[in-house]
C-alpha atoms as a PDB file:
ATOM      1  CA  MET A   1      25.984   1.918  -4.536  1.00  0.00           C
ATOM      2  CA  ALA A   2      22.755   2.680  -5.915  1.00  0.00           C
ATOM      3  CA  ASN A   3      21.984   5.813  -7.767  1.00  0.00           C
ATOM      4  CA  LYS A   4      19.468   7.700  -5.943  1.00  0.00           C
ATOM      5  CA  LYS A   5      16.921   7.891  -8.625  1.00  0.00           C
ATOM      6  CA  GLN A   6      17.128   4.175  -8.615  1.00  0.00           C
ATOM      7  CA  ALA A   7      16.737   3.728  -5.442  1.00  0.00           C
ATOM      8  CA  ASN A   8      13.219   2.175  -4.168  1.00  0.00           C
ATOM      9  CA  THR A   9      10.808   4.677  -2.314  1.00  0.00           C
ATOM     10  CA  VAL A  10       8.844   2.294  -0.214  1.00  0.00           C
ATOM     11  CA  LEU A  11       5.536   2.760   2.016  1.00  0.00           C
ATOM     12  CA  VAL A  12       4.457   1.168   4.883  1.00  0.00           C
ATOM     13  CA  ALA A  13       1.274   1.082   5.151  1.00  0.00           C
ATOM     14  CA  ILE A  14      -0.816   0.123   8.482  1.00  0.00           C
ATOM     15  CA  MET A  15      -2.990  -2.992   7.663  1.00  0.00           C
ATOM     16  CA  ASN A  16      -5.601  -3.301  10.173  1.00  0.00           C
ATOM     17  CA  SER A  17      -8.352  -4.369   7.936  1.00  0.00           C
ATOM     18  CA  LYS A  18      -8.740  -8.027   6.834  1.00  0.00           C
ATOM     19  CA  SER A  19     -10.935  -7.105   4.285  1.00  0.00           C
ATOM     20  CA  ASP A  20      -8.703  -4.623   3.128  1.00  0.00           C
ATOM     21  CA  PHE A  21      -5.454  -7.245   2.870  1.00  0.00           C
ATOM     22  CA  GLU A  22      -7.599  -9.704   0.769  1.00  0.00           C
ATOM     23  CA  ILE A  23      -8.665  -6.875  -1.623  1.00  0.00           C
ATOM     24  CA  ALA A  24      -4.729  -5.851  -1.911  1.00  0.00           C
ATOM     25  CA  ARG A  25      -3.782  -9.839  -1.582  1.00  0.00           C
ATOM     26  CA  LYS A  26      -6.509 -11.013  -4.176  1.00  0.00           C
ATOM     27  CA  GLU A  27      -7.712  -7.916  -6.537  1.00  0.00           C
ATOM     28  CA  GLY A  28      -4.022  -6.583  -6.197  1.00  0.00           C
ATOM     29  CA  TRP A  29      -4.671  -3.786  -5.510  1.00  0.00           C
ATOM     30  CA  TYR A  30      -4.552  -1.332  -2.485  1.00  0.00           C
ATOM     31  CA  ARG A  31      -6.805   2.244  -1.279  1.00  0.00           C
ATOM     32  CA  ILE A  32      -4.567   5.106   0.002  1.00  0.00           C
ATOM     33  CA  PRO A  33      -7.298   8.517   0.572  1.00  0.00           C
ATOM     34  CA  VAL A  34      -6.353  11.096  -1.510  1.00  0.00           C
ATOM     35  CA  LYS A  35      -5.529  13.978   0.634  1.00  0.00           C
ATOM     36  CA  PRO A  36      -3.847  12.221   3.272  1.00  0.00           C
ATOM     37  CA  ALA A  37      -1.836  10.937   1.063  1.00  0.00           C
ATOM     38  CA  PRO A  38       2.187  10.718   1.921  1.00  0.00           C
ATOM     39  CA  MET A  39       3.766  12.692  -0.538  1.00  0.00           C
ATOM     40  CA  ILE A  40       5.489   9.847  -2.160  1.00  0.00           C
ATOM     41  CA  VAL A  41       2.475   8.668  -3.463  1.00  0.00           C
ATOM     42  CA  LYS A  42       1.099  12.134  -4.910  1.00  0.00           C
ATOM     43  CA  ASN A  43       4.443  12.470  -6.803  1.00  0.00           C
ATOM     44  CA  GLY A  44       4.547   8.921  -8.169  1.00  0.00           C
ATOM     45  CA  THR A  45       7.447   8.501  -6.999  1.00  0.00           C
ATOM     46  CA  ILE A  46       6.802   5.804  -4.428  1.00  0.00           C
ATOM     47  CA  HIS A  47       7.575   1.586  -5.807  1.00  0.00           C
ATOM     48  CA  ILE A  48       7.347  -0.504  -2.838  1.00  0.00           C
ATOM     49  CA  ILE A  49       4.221  -0.937   0.056  1.00  0.00           C
ATOM     50  CA  ALA A  50       4.875  -2.905   2.291  1.00  0.00           C
ATOM     51  CA  PHE A  51       1.930  -3.668   4.776  1.00  0.00           C
ATOM     52  CA  TYR A  52       2.487  -3.827   8.763  1.00  0.00           C
ATOM     53  CA  HIS A  53      -0.244  -5.975  10.467  1.00  0.00           C
ATOM     54  CA  THR A  54      -1.682  -4.794  13.348  1.00  0.00           C
ATOM     55  CA  LYS A  55      -3.150  -6.990  16.332  1.00  0.00           C
ATOM     56  CA  ALA A  56      -6.515  -8.096  13.782  1.00  0.00           C
ATOM     57  CA  PHE A  57      -4.321 -10.399  12.443  1.00  0.00           C
ATOM     58  CA  GLU A  58      -3.587 -12.892  15.233  1.00  0.00           C
ATOM     59  CA  GLU A  59      -0.537 -14.884  12.925  1.00  0.00           C
ATOM     60  CA  TYR A  60       1.129 -11.825  11.005  1.00  0.00           C
ATOM     61  CA  ARG A  61       0.606  -8.911  14.437  1.00  0.00           C
ATOM     62  CA  TYR A  62       2.965  -6.854  14.579  1.00  0.00           C
ATOM     63  CA  SER A  63       4.963  -7.624  11.699  1.00  0.00           C
ATOM     64  CA  ILE A  64       5.651  -6.699   7.820  1.00  0.00           C
ATOM     65  CA  ARG A  65       5.207  -9.845   5.764  1.00  0.00           C
ATOM     66  CA  PHE A  66       4.393  -8.241   2.951  1.00  0.00           C
ATOM     67  CA  TYR A  67       4.817  -6.353   0.064  1.00  0.00           C
ATOM     68  CA  ALA A  68       4.406  -5.332  -3.213  1.00  0.00           C
ATOM     69  CA  ILE A  69       6.143  -3.158  -5.972  1.00  0.00           C
ATOM     70  CA  VAL A  70       3.822  -0.410  -7.352  1.00  0.00           C
ATOM     71  CA  LYS A  71       2.567  -0.533 -10.969  1.00  0.00           C
ATOM     72  CA  ARG A  72       0.245   2.293 -11.404  1.00  0.00           C
ATOM     73  CA  ILE A  73      -1.485   5.107  -9.858  1.00  0.00           C
ATOM     74  CA  SER A  74      -5.118   6.109 -10.255  1.00  0.00           C
ATOM     75  CA  ILE A  75      -7.360   8.655  -8.864  1.00  0.00           C
ATOM     76  CA  VAL A  76     -10.941   6.771  -8.572  1.00  0.00           C
ATOM     77  CA  GLY A  77     -13.917   7.502  -7.002  1.00  0.00           C
ATOM     78  CA  ARG A  78     -15.172   5.033  -3.933  1.00  0.00           C
ATOM     79  CA  GLU A  79     -18.180   3.997  -5.994  1.00  0.00           C
ATOM     80  CA  GLU A  80     -16.001   2.878  -8.323  1.00  0.00           C
ATOM     81  CA  LEU A  81     -13.871   0.764  -6.006  1.00  0.00           C
ATOM     82  CA  PHE A  82     -16.695  -0.252  -3.806  1.00  0.00           C
ATOM     83  CA  PRO A  83     -19.877  -0.263  -6.401  1.00  0.00           C
END
């Protein structure tokens, strides 16, 4: 049985934008606005982010098929992400 300190904390992100998914897949980052971010993001206990695809993704709609290990959390301005 896993120790609670070793347990992975997962955030399921609703992915409804193909462009956001391409950024996550190709560039290795995903943006979460600071104010509405869940506590596991704010306090750094998130270990995994899983992507739930909406109907915008024909083949993957209504499913989780992709996830990523969270290596780092950074707070940056929108202008840094999208120059």
